[in-house]
Amino acid sequence: MYLERTLPQNSEAEENVIGSVLLDPTAYATVADKLAPSDFTVSVARDCWMACIALFRAGSVIDQATVANELGKQGKLEGVGGSAYLSSLIGNVPTSLHVEAYADIVKRCSVRRQLVAAASEIAVIGYDDGIQGDPVQMALSVLMRLHHTEQTGNFRRLKEIADDHFNDFEAWLDAESPSIRGLSTGIATLDMAIDGLEKGKLYLVGGRPGMGKTQLALTIARNVARAGRTPAVFSLEMSGESLLERLVLERAGVDRFDLRMPKDRAQHETALRDAYADVGELPIRVDSTSGIKTETAMLRIMALQARQVPVDLLIFDYIDLAGDRADTEEIRQHNVAKALRHIARTTNVPVLAMVQLNRQVESRPDRRPKLSDLRYSGGLEQTADVVLLLFRHEYYWPLHSDDFDPRLVNVLDVIIAKNRDGAPGQTIQLYYKASVGSIRSFENKIRLEVKP
């Protein structure tokens, strides 16, 4: 049986916030970023808080006299009970030292009221037979709106940050083998160059078609999964079945074009069955929604985390196909990159995103990509923490071409074009057999890119 219940509120705490601010003008700045007028349920307290906001914005001192004057100008002084009411608020709080505790109580009640309102809105969605769209996603959007409302930025003492980070720091110092700070890609030379994939950071992988962007992302996802972690892959270009096929063929070491005839498939049947069973057990999550928006992607990651499904890496393939809209393509891609970085920070996972390079790279004699080859490079370059650019010599100069170089067969150059917390300019050479999708480290294959 449903019982009517009073919405969460604490009128005493609301009035004590106002009393503390009237008693000590500096108390306002302590709690101003925590509380909005809508957090107050007592109308007179809300009017007083709005008067404090107006005074602060005008650069005026906040005290009993100035608040009374501001309420008078707004025609609300009599409605709140006059100066006598303000005096009573001050009399209820002997000190302003507890203003933050009062503000926390007010905020908690406000959040709970918003949850009740969100639940009612979700109930309406659930009861509406004629609703358009995915009702689950609509319900998640309601909660996401509440989540964004509660995002606040606060200063933290450096000691608090150090205490929170201490265990990770100790583990890094005590590691007996060469250690990296972030999540291992499973590719040793790449790990050592970029220090792994760190939580809260955005990594861009750029390249022209055929360079191996998706295959590198899949290789990293597979390696992460084999290490017992959970990668989540948003595949906007390829279906989940296509990704599965790539992983199976790579695991079996079989070229897809060697399987066209029945006798060829029979020859590799055992290897393929074993690979299928192995890959099917990997804890990789795949969402192949075409044209997915970054907001929806964030909602789905948060939904996984809410169900206690750990997400250790997010892969987004690729930025150019995201469904976000904007007035221009440059603004749209920049907004997508900013949204992906926000996802990284909010969900506390590294985000690895693929991006197409413009055709300008193919007009240069050496075909080697540069940071400026990112489409609308300014916004993407600014937003990303690390930018990796891919290049394959044999793609442009294959066997029998005039500039074919046998030393560069099955070589994938990973150019570290930007590294916010490290040195850019390195080029990591990886073994890449494109016919089966195999990517791994070469031994001792790191060289420095020569800069002008």
Protein backbone atom coordinates (compact mmCIF):
# COMPACT_ATOMS: atom_id res chain seq x y z
CA MET A 1 0.00 0.00 0.00
CA TYR A 2 1.35 3.41 -0.98
CA LEU A 3 1.58 5.91 1.88
CA GLU A 4 1.87 9.65 1.42
CA ARG A 5 5.17 10.79 2.85
CA THR A 6 6.58 14.24 3.51
CA LEU A 7 9.35 15.25 1.13
CA PRO A 8 12.81 15.37 2.75
CA GLN A 9 13.53 18.79 4.27
CA ASN A 10 15.12 20.36 7.33
CA SER A 11 13.82 23.87 7.94
CA GLU A 12 16.03 24.35 11.00
CA ALA A 13 19.20 23.68 8.99
CA GLU A 14 18.03 26.06 6.24
CA GLU A 15 17.47 28.88 8.73
CA ASN A 16 20.77 28.13 10.47
CA VAL A 17 22.61 28.55 7.15
CA ILE A 18 21.11 32.03 6.78
CA GLY A 19 21.77 32.87 10.43
CA SER A 20 25.44 31.82 10.10
CA VAL A 21 25.91 33.97 7.01
CA LEU A 22 24.28 36.98 8.68
CA LEU A 23 26.49 36.44 11.73
CA ASP A 24 29.71 36.07 9.74
CA PRO A 25 29.89 37.58 6.22
CA THR A 26 32.79 35.27 5.27
CA ALA A 27 30.57 32.21 5.82
CA TYR A 28 28.74 32.88 2.56
CA ALA A 29 31.78 32.13 0.42
CA THR A 30 32.29 28.87 2.32
CA VAL A 31 28.98 27.38 1.20
CA ALA A 32 27.91 29.48 -1.80
CA ASP A 33 28.94 26.90 -4.41
CA LYS A 34 27.04 24.15 -2.57
CA LEU A 35 23.61 25.73 -2.38
CA ALA A 36 21.15 27.12 -4.91
CA PRO A 37 17.89 28.91 -4.06
CA SER A 38 16.00 25.78 -5.13
CA ASP A 39 17.70 23.83 -2.32
CA PHE A 40 15.65 25.79 0.25
CA THR A 41 12.09 24.73 1.06
CA VAL A 42 11.39 27.50 3.59
CA SER A 43 10.30 30.41 1.38
CA VAL A 44 11.60 33.12 3.69
CA ALA A 45 14.99 31.41 3.95
CA ARG A 46 15.06 31.09 0.16
CA ASP A 47 14.31 34.82 -0.21
CA CYS A 48 17.14 35.64 2.20
CA TRP A 49 19.55 33.39 0.27
CA MET A 50 18.62 35.08 -3.01
CA ALA A 51 19.27 38.45 -1.37
CA CYS A 52 22.73 37.20 -0.29
CA ILE A 53 23.47 36.13 -3.87
CA ALA A 54 22.44 39.55 -5.21
CA LEU A 55 24.66 41.33 -2.65
CA PHE A 56 27.62 39.10 -3.42
CA ARG A 57 27.31 39.71 -7.16
CA ALA A 58 27.14 43.44 -6.53
CA GLY A 59 30.30 43.29 -4.43
CA SER A 60 28.50 44.37 -1.26
CA VAL A 61 29.09 43.17 2.30
CA ILE A 62 26.59 40.55 3.49
CA ASP A 63 25.19 41.20 6.96
CA GLN A 64 21.85 41.78 8.65
CA ALA A 65 21.56 45.41 7.57
CA THR A 66 22.48 44.87 3.91
CA VAL A 67 20.28 41.78 3.56
CA ALA A 68 17.35 43.68 5.10
CA ASN A 69 17.98 46.55 2.69
CA GLU A 70 18.14 44.18 -0.33
CA LEU A 71 14.93 42.43 0.74
CA GLY A 72 13.31 45.85 1.08
CA LYS A 73 14.33 46.82 -2.46
CA GLN A 74 12.83 43.56 -3.72
CA GLY A 75 9.62 44.21 -1.77
CA LYS A 76 10.10 41.06 0.32
CA LEU A 77 11.18 42.39 3.71
CA GLU A 78 7.72 42.44 5.21
CA GLY A 79 6.99 39.01 3.76
CA VAL A 80 9.91 37.39 5.58
CA GLY A 81 8.95 38.98 8.88
CA GLY A 82 11.05 42.13 8.78
CA SER A 83 14.33 42.78 10.55
CA ALA A 84 13.02 40.97 13.60
CA TYR A 85 13.03 37.69 11.66
CA LEU A 86 16.64 38.26 10.59
CA SER A 87 17.59 38.97 14.19
CA SER A 88 15.95 35.72 15.28
CA LEU A 89 17.99 33.78 12.72
CA ILE A 90 21.22 35.20 14.15
CA GLY A 91 20.05 34.43 17.68
CA ASN A 92 19.56 30.75 16.77
CA VAL A 93 23.25 30.22 15.89
CA PRO A 94 25.86 31.11 18.52
CA THR A 95 28.68 30.62 15.99
CA SER A 96 29.15 30.34 12.23
CA LEU A 97 31.66 27.49 12.57
CA HIS A 98 29.03 24.89 11.70
CA VAL A 99 27.76 26.55 8.52
CA GLU A 100 29.18 23.79 6.28
CA ALA A 101 27.47 21.10 8.33
CA TYR A 102 24.15 22.97 8.03
CA ALA A 103 24.69 23.41 4.29
CA ASP A 104 25.43 19.68 3.85
CA ILE A 105 22.14 18.80 5.57
CA VAL A 106 20.22 21.21 3.32
CA LYS A 107 21.92 19.83 0.21
CA ARG A 108 21.31 16.19 1.12
CA CYS A 109 17.61 16.90 1.61
CA SER A 110 17.51 18.72 -1.71
CA VAL A 111 19.16 15.82 -3.55
CA ARG A 112 16.71 13.37 -2.01
CA ARG A 113 13.79 15.56 -3.13
CA GLN A 114 15.24 15.61 -6.64
CA LEU A 115 15.52 11.81 -6.55
CA VAL A 116 11.84 11.58 -5.61
CA ALA A 117 10.98 13.91 -8.51
CA ALA A 118 13.16 11.88 -10.87
CA ALA A 119 11.46 8.68 -9.73
CA SER A 120 8.07 10.24 -10.49
CA GLU A 121 9.28 11.29 -13.94
CA ILE A 122 10.60 7.78 -14.60
CA ALA A 123 7.28 6.32 -13.43
CA VAL A 124 5.47 8.44 -16.03
CA ILE A 125 7.82 7.04 -18.70
CA GLY A 126 7.10 3.51 -17.49
CA TYR A 127 3.31 3.95 -17.62
CA ASP A 128 3.24 5.62 -21.06
CA ASP A 129 2.34 2.93 -23.65
CA GLY A 130 2.74 5.35 -26.54
CA ILE A 131 6.18 6.62 -25.63
CA GLN A 132 8.63 7.16 -28.50
CA GLY A 133 12.21 5.97 -28.14
CA ASP A 134 13.95 3.65 -25.70
CA PRO A 135 12.28 4.06 -22.28
CA VAL A 136 15.36 2.74 -20.44
CA GLN A 137 17.59 5.33 -22.09
CA MET A 138 15.04 8.05 -21.31
CA ALA A 139 15.01 7.00 -17.67
CA LEU A 140 18.81 7.01 -17.57
CA SER A 141 18.77 10.51 -19.07
CA VAL A 142 16.59 11.70 -16.18
CA LEU A 143 19.12 10.38 -13.67
CA MET A 144 22.00 11.73 -15.75
CA ARG A 145 20.47 15.19 -15.60
CA LEU A 146 20.43 14.90 -11.82
CA HIS A 147 24.04 13.67 -11.86
CA HIS A 148 25.18 16.70 -13.87
CA THR A 149 23.28 19.02 -11.52
CA GLU A 150 25.22 17.66 -8.57
CA GLN A 151 28.65 18.02 -10.20
CA THR A 152 30.62 20.55 -8.16
CA GLY A 153 34.20 21.63 -8.20
CA ASN A 154 35.91 22.00 -4.85
CA PHE A 155 39.44 22.71 -3.75
CA ARG A 156 41.16 19.79 -2.04
CA ARG A 157 44.20 20.02 0.19
CA LEU A 158 47.25 18.53 -1.48
CA LYS A 159 47.62 16.21 1.53
CA GLU A 160 44.16 14.75 0.84
CA ILE A 161 45.14 14.05 -2.76
CA ALA A 162 48.42 12.52 -1.59
CA ASP A 163 46.63 10.28 0.92
CA ASP A 164 44.16 9.07 -1.71
CA HIS A 165 46.98 8.38 -4.17
CA PHE A 166 49.42 6.83 -1.67
CA ASN A 167 48.62 3.15 -2.27
CA ASP A 168 49.08 3.47 -6.04
CA PHE A 169 52.30 5.39 -5.49
CA GLU A 170 53.66 2.74 -3.10
CA ALA A 171 52.78 -0.09 -5.48
CA TRP A 172 54.59 1.70 -8.28
CA LEU A 173 57.72 2.25 -6.16
CA ASP A 174 57.76 -1.33 -4.86
CA ALA A 175 57.28 -3.03 -8.23
CA GLU A 176 60.14 -5.48 -8.83
CA SER A 177 59.84 -5.43 -12.62
CA PRO A 178 59.74 -2.42 -14.98
CA SER A 179 56.55 -0.67 -13.99
CA ILE A 180 54.09 1.69 -15.66
CA ARG A 181 51.58 4.00 -14.00
CA GLY A 182 48.56 3.20 -16.15
CA LEU A 183 46.68 0.20 -17.50
CA SER A 184 48.92 -2.00 -19.63
CA THR A 185 48.12 -2.15 -23.34
CA GLY A 186 49.82 -5.55 -23.47
CA ILE A 187 52.33 -4.05 -25.93
CA ALA A 188 55.52 -3.59 -23.92
CA THR A 189 57.26 -0.97 -26.06
CA LEU A 190 54.12 1.16 -26.27
CA ASP A 191 53.56 0.88 -22.51
CA MET A 192 57.06 2.10 -21.74
CA ALA A 193 56.71 5.04 -24.13
CA ILE A 194 53.36 6.38 -22.84
CA ASP A 195 53.40 4.88 -19.30
CA GLY A 196 50.31 2.77 -20.00
CA LEU A 197 46.74 4.07 -20.22
CA GLU A 198 46.03 6.24 -17.19
CA LYS A 199 42.60 6.72 -15.61
CA GLY A 200 40.78 9.90 -16.56
CA LYS A 201 42.81 10.55 -19.72
CA LEU A 202 41.84 10.74 -23.38
CA TYR A 203 44.04 8.95 -25.91
CA LEU A 204 43.51 9.61 -29.63
CA VAL A 205 44.68 7.15 -32.29
CA GLY A 206 44.76 8.79 -35.72
CA GLY A 207 45.44 7.36 -39.14
CA ARG A 208 44.30 7.15 -42.72
CA PRO A 209 42.08 4.20 -43.72
CA GLY A 210 43.99 0.92 -43.74
CA MET A 211 46.61 1.95 -41.20
CA GLY A 212 45.30 -0.38 -38.47
CA LYS A 213 43.39 1.90 -36.07
CA THR A 214 40.61 -0.57 -35.27
CA GLN A 215 42.99 -3.53 -35.15
CA LEU A 216 45.26 -1.74 -32.67
CA ALA A 217 42.22 -0.90 -30.53
CA LEU A 218 41.04 -4.53 -30.65
CA THR A 219 44.51 -5.81 -29.80
CA ILE A 220 44.65 -3.56 -26.74
CA ALA A 221 41.11 -4.59 -25.73
CA ARG A 222 42.04 -8.27 -26.04
CA ASN A 223 45.24 -7.81 -24.04
CA VAL A 224 43.41 -5.89 -21.32
CA ALA A 225 40.73 -8.59 -21.16
CA ARG A 226 43.29 -11.38 -20.94
CA ALA A 227 44.82 -9.58 -17.98
CA GLY A 228 41.47 -9.93 -16.18
CA ARG A 229 40.22 -6.41 -16.81
CA THR A 230 37.02 -5.31 -18.59
CA PRO A 231 37.20 -3.12 -21.69
CA ALA A 232 34.04 -1.58 -23.16
CA VAL A 233 34.06 -0.98 -26.92
CA PHE A 234 31.76 1.41 -28.77
CA SER A 235 32.04 0.29 -32.40
CA LEU A 236 30.28 2.84 -34.60
CA GLU A 237 31.64 1.49 -37.88
CA MET A 238 31.71 -2.31 -37.48
CA SER A 239 29.19 -4.73 -36.03
CA GLY A 240 29.90 -6.81 -32.96
CA GLU A 241 30.03 -9.89 -35.19
CA SER A 242 32.71 -8.32 -37.37
CA LEU A 243 34.82 -7.49 -34.32
CA LEU A 244 34.39 -11.04 -33.04
CA GLU A 245 35.52 -12.43 -36.41
CA ARG A 246 38.64 -10.27 -36.37
CA LEU A 247 39.56 -11.44 -32.88
CA VAL A 248 38.96 -15.09 -33.76
CA LEU A 249 41.05 -14.94 -36.94
CA GLU A 250 43.87 -13.17 -35.10
CA ARG A 251 43.77 -15.75 -32.31
CA ALA A 252 43.85 -18.62 -34.83
CA GLY A 253 46.51 -16.92 -36.95
CA VAL A 254 44.44 -17.42 -40.09
CA ASP A 255 43.98 -15.09 -43.07
CA ARG A 256 40.28 -14.56 -43.80
CA PHE A 257 40.91 -14.95 -47.52
CA ASP A 258 42.36 -18.42 -46.89
CA LEU A 259 38.93 -19.60 -45.76
CA ARG A 260 36.94 -19.11 -48.94
CA MET A 261 36.92 -22.76 -49.99
CA PRO A 262 35.49 -25.62 -47.85
CA LYS A 263 38.75 -27.56 -47.94
CA ASP A 264 40.60 -24.50 -46.64
CA ARG A 265 38.15 -24.10 -43.77
CA ALA A 266 38.52 -27.78 -42.93
CA GLN A 267 42.28 -27.38 -42.74
CA HIS A 268 41.95 -24.65 -40.08
CA GLU A 269 38.81 -25.95 -38.37
CA THR A 270 40.44 -27.02 -35.10
CA ALA A 271 42.37 -23.76 -34.72
CA LEU A 272 39.25 -21.72 -35.49
CA ARG A 273 37.06 -23.62 -33.03
CA ASP A 274 39.65 -23.27 -30.29
CA ALA A 275 40.02 -19.55 -31.06
CA TYR A 276 36.24 -19.04 -31.06
CA ALA A 277 35.93 -20.67 -27.65
CA ASP A 278 38.84 -18.65 -26.26
CA VAL A 279 37.69 -15.28 -27.59
CA GLY A 280 34.11 -15.91 -26.50
CA GLU A 281 35.24 -16.06 -22.87
CA LEU A 282 36.98 -12.66 -22.92
CA PRO A 283 35.26 -10.06 -20.68
CA ILE A 284 34.91 -7.52 -23.48
CA ARG A 285 31.69 -5.47 -23.69
CA VAL A 286 30.69 -4.35 -27.21
CA ASP A 287 28.09 -1.73 -28.17
CA SER A 288 27.76 -1.39 -31.95
CA THR A 289 25.04 1.27 -32.01
CA SER A 290 25.58 3.26 -35.20
CA GLY A 291 25.87 7.01 -34.71
CA ILE A 292 25.71 6.82 -30.93
CA LYS A 293 25.90 10.16 -29.12
CA THR A 294 28.56 10.68 -26.49
CA GLU A 295 25.92 11.45 -23.85
CA THR A 296 24.31 8.06 -24.52
CA ALA A 297 27.71 6.39 -24.40
CA MET A 298 28.35 7.93 -20.98
CA LEU A 299 24.92 6.82 -19.74
CA ARG A 300 25.61 3.25 -20.81
CA ILE A 301 29.01 3.17 -19.13
CA MET A 302 27.51 4.56 -15.93
CA ALA A 303 24.70 1.99 -16.16
CA LEU A 304 27.30 -0.79 -16.31
CA GLN A 305 29.11 0.66 -13.30
CA ALA A 306 25.80 0.99 -11.44
CA ARG A 307 25.28 -2.76 -11.97
CA GLN A 308 28.71 -3.35 -10.39
CA VAL A 309 30.26 -4.24 -13.76
CA PRO A 310 33.80 -2.86 -13.67
CA VAL A 311 34.88 -0.87 -16.72
CA ASP A 312 38.65 -0.52 -16.94
CA LEU A 313 38.99 0.87 -20.47
CA LEU A 314 36.61 2.59 -22.89
CA ILE A 315 37.30 2.36 -26.63
CA PHE A 316 35.41 4.65 -29.03
CA ASP A 317 35.74 3.75 -32.73
CA TYR A 318 35.50 6.36 -34.04
CA ILE A 319 35.04 10.10 -33.37
CA ASP A 320 34.02 11.00 -36.94
CA LEU A 321 30.89 8.79 -36.72
CA ALA A 322 29.56 10.03 -33.35
CA GLY A 323 25.95 11.22 -33.51
CA ASP A 324 26.52 14.52 -31.67
CA ARG A 325 25.35 17.60 -33.56
CA ALA A 326 26.74 21.12 -33.86
CA ASP A 327 26.67 24.09 -36.26
CA THR A 328 29.91 23.05 -37.98
CA GLU A 329 31.86 19.81 -38.30
CA GLU A 330 34.85 21.41 -36.58
CA ILE A 331 32.77 22.34 -33.52
CA ARG A 332 31.09 18.93 -33.55
CA GLN A 333 34.36 16.98 -33.49
CA HIS A 334 35.77 19.25 -30.81
CA ASN A 335 32.63 18.75 -28.72
CA VAL A 336 32.86 14.98 -29.15
CA ALA A 337 36.48 14.98 -28.00
CA LYS A 338 35.62 17.16 -24.98
CA ALA A 339 32.72 14.86 -24.14
CA LEU A 340 34.97 11.78 -24.31
CA ARG A 341 37.49 13.45 -22.01
CA HIS A 342 34.63 14.30 -19.64
CA ILE A 343 33.60 10.64 -19.69
CA ALA A 344 37.18 9.64 -18.86
CA ARG A 345 37.28 11.97 -15.87
CA THR A 346 33.75 11.28 -14.64
CA THR A 347 33.94 7.48 -14.88
CA ASN A 348 37.64 7.38 -13.92
CA VAL A 349 38.70 5.17 -16.84
CA PRO A 350 41.08 5.78 -19.75
CA VAL A 351 39.35 6.48 -23.06
CA LEU A 352 40.97 5.36 -26.31
CA ALA A 353 39.32 7.00 -29.32
CA MET A 354 40.00 6.50 -33.01
CA VAL A 355 39.98 9.45 -35.41
CA GLN A 356 40.44 9.81 -39.15
CA LEU A 357 43.26 11.91 -40.58
CA ASN A 358 42.66 14.26 -43.49
CA ARG A 359 43.87 13.58 -47.03
CA GLN A 360 46.65 16.14 -46.78
CA VAL A 361 48.97 13.46 -45.44
CA GLU A 362 48.87 11.65 -48.80
CA SER A 363 50.05 14.71 -50.69
CA ARG A 364 53.45 14.63 -48.99
CA PRO A 365 56.24 12.53 -50.49
CA ASP A 366 56.88 10.49 -47.33
CA ARG A 367 53.15 10.07 -46.40
CA ARG A 368 54.08 10.24 -42.72
CA PRO A 369 51.32 11.83 -40.61
CA LYS A 370 51.73 14.90 -38.42
CA LEU A 371 49.67 16.32 -35.60
CA SER A 372 48.25 18.94 -37.99
CA ASP A 373 46.78 16.12 -40.11
CA LEU A 374 44.06 15.57 -37.50
CA ARG A 375 40.81 16.76 -39.03
CA TYR A 376 40.07 20.14 -37.45
CA SER A 377 43.27 19.57 -35.48
CA GLY A 378 43.05 22.55 -33.12
CA GLY A 379 40.23 21.29 -30.92
CA LEU A 380 41.26 17.63 -30.97
CA GLU A 381 44.92 18.40 -30.31
CA GLN A 382 44.02 20.69 -27.42
CA THR A 383 41.64 18.21 -25.78
CA ALA A 384 43.61 14.96 -26.04
CA ASP A 385 46.17 13.98 -23.43
CA VAL A 386 48.05 11.69 -25.82
CA VAL A 387 47.88 11.51 -29.62
CA LEU A 388 49.20 8.44 -31.46
CA LEU A 389 49.47 8.53 -35.27
CA LEU A 390 49.75 5.31 -37.30
CA PHE A 391 51.81 4.77 -40.46
CA ARG A 392 52.56 1.70 -42.59
CA HIS A 393 55.22 2.01 -45.29
CA GLU A 394 54.12 -1.15 -47.09
CA TYR A 395 50.57 0.21 -47.46
CA TYR A 396 51.81 2.98 -49.75
CA TRP A 397 54.76 1.12 -51.27
CA PRO A 398 53.80 -2.56 -51.54
CA LEU A 399 55.77 -5.42 -53.10
CA HIS A 400 57.05 -4.68 -56.63
CA SER A 401 56.63 -0.91 -56.26
CA ASP A 402 59.67 1.26 -56.93
CA ASP A 403 60.09 2.31 -53.29
CA PHE A 404 59.30 -1.07 -51.73
CA ASP A 405 61.52 -1.72 -48.69
CA PRO A 406 61.61 -5.35 -47.46
CA ARG A 407 62.84 -4.18 -44.04
CA LEU A 408 59.49 -2.40 -43.49
CA VAL A 409 57.19 -5.30 -44.29
CA ASN A 410 54.82 -6.04 -41.37
CA VAL A 411 55.94 -2.86 -39.57
CA LEU A 412 53.47 -0.47 -37.96
CA ASP A 413 54.89 2.88 -36.90
CA VAL A 414 53.14 4.41 -33.88
CA ILE A 415 54.15 8.06 -33.78
CA ILE A 416 53.68 9.73 -30.39
CA ALA A 417 52.69 13.14 -31.71
CA LYS A 418 51.53 14.49 -28.34
CA ASN A 419 52.11 13.36 -24.78
CA ARG A 420 50.87 15.80 -22.17
CA ASP A 421 52.81 14.18 -19.32
CA GLY A 422 55.77 12.84 -21.25
CA ALA A 423 58.09 13.47 -24.16
CA PRO A 424 56.50 13.41 -27.63
CA GLY A 425 58.55 12.60 -30.71
CA GLN A 426 59.15 8.88 -30.24
CA THR A 427 58.13 6.44 -32.93
CA ILE A 428 57.40 2.93 -31.69
CA GLN A 429 57.73 0.21 -34.31
CA LEU A 430 55.35 -2.71 -33.84
CA TYR A 431 55.00 -5.97 -35.73
CA TYR A 432 51.73 -5.89 -37.68
CA LYS A 433 50.65 -8.69 -39.99
CA ALA A 434 47.58 -7.07 -41.49
CA SER A 435 46.30 -10.24 -43.18
CA VAL A 436 45.55 -11.87 -39.81
CA GLY A 437 45.40 -8.76 -37.62
CA SER A 438 48.36 -9.64 -35.40
CA ILE A 439 50.03 -6.73 -33.57
CA ARG A 440 52.80 -7.10 -31.03
CA SER A 441 56.10 -5.58 -29.94
CA PHE A 442 59.34 -5.94 -31.81
CA GLU A 443 62.39 -6.49 -29.64
CA ASN A 444 64.37 -3.28 -29.08
CA LYS A 445 62.45 -1.34 -31.71
CA ILE A 446 62.22 2.20 -30.35
CA ARG A 447 63.69 5.15 -32.17
CA LEU A 448 63.42 8.90 -31.68
CA GLU A 449 61.71 10.96 -34.35
CA VAL A 450 64.15 13.53 -35.62
CA LYS A 451 62.78 17.02 -35.10
CA PRO A 452 63.82 20.06 -37.13
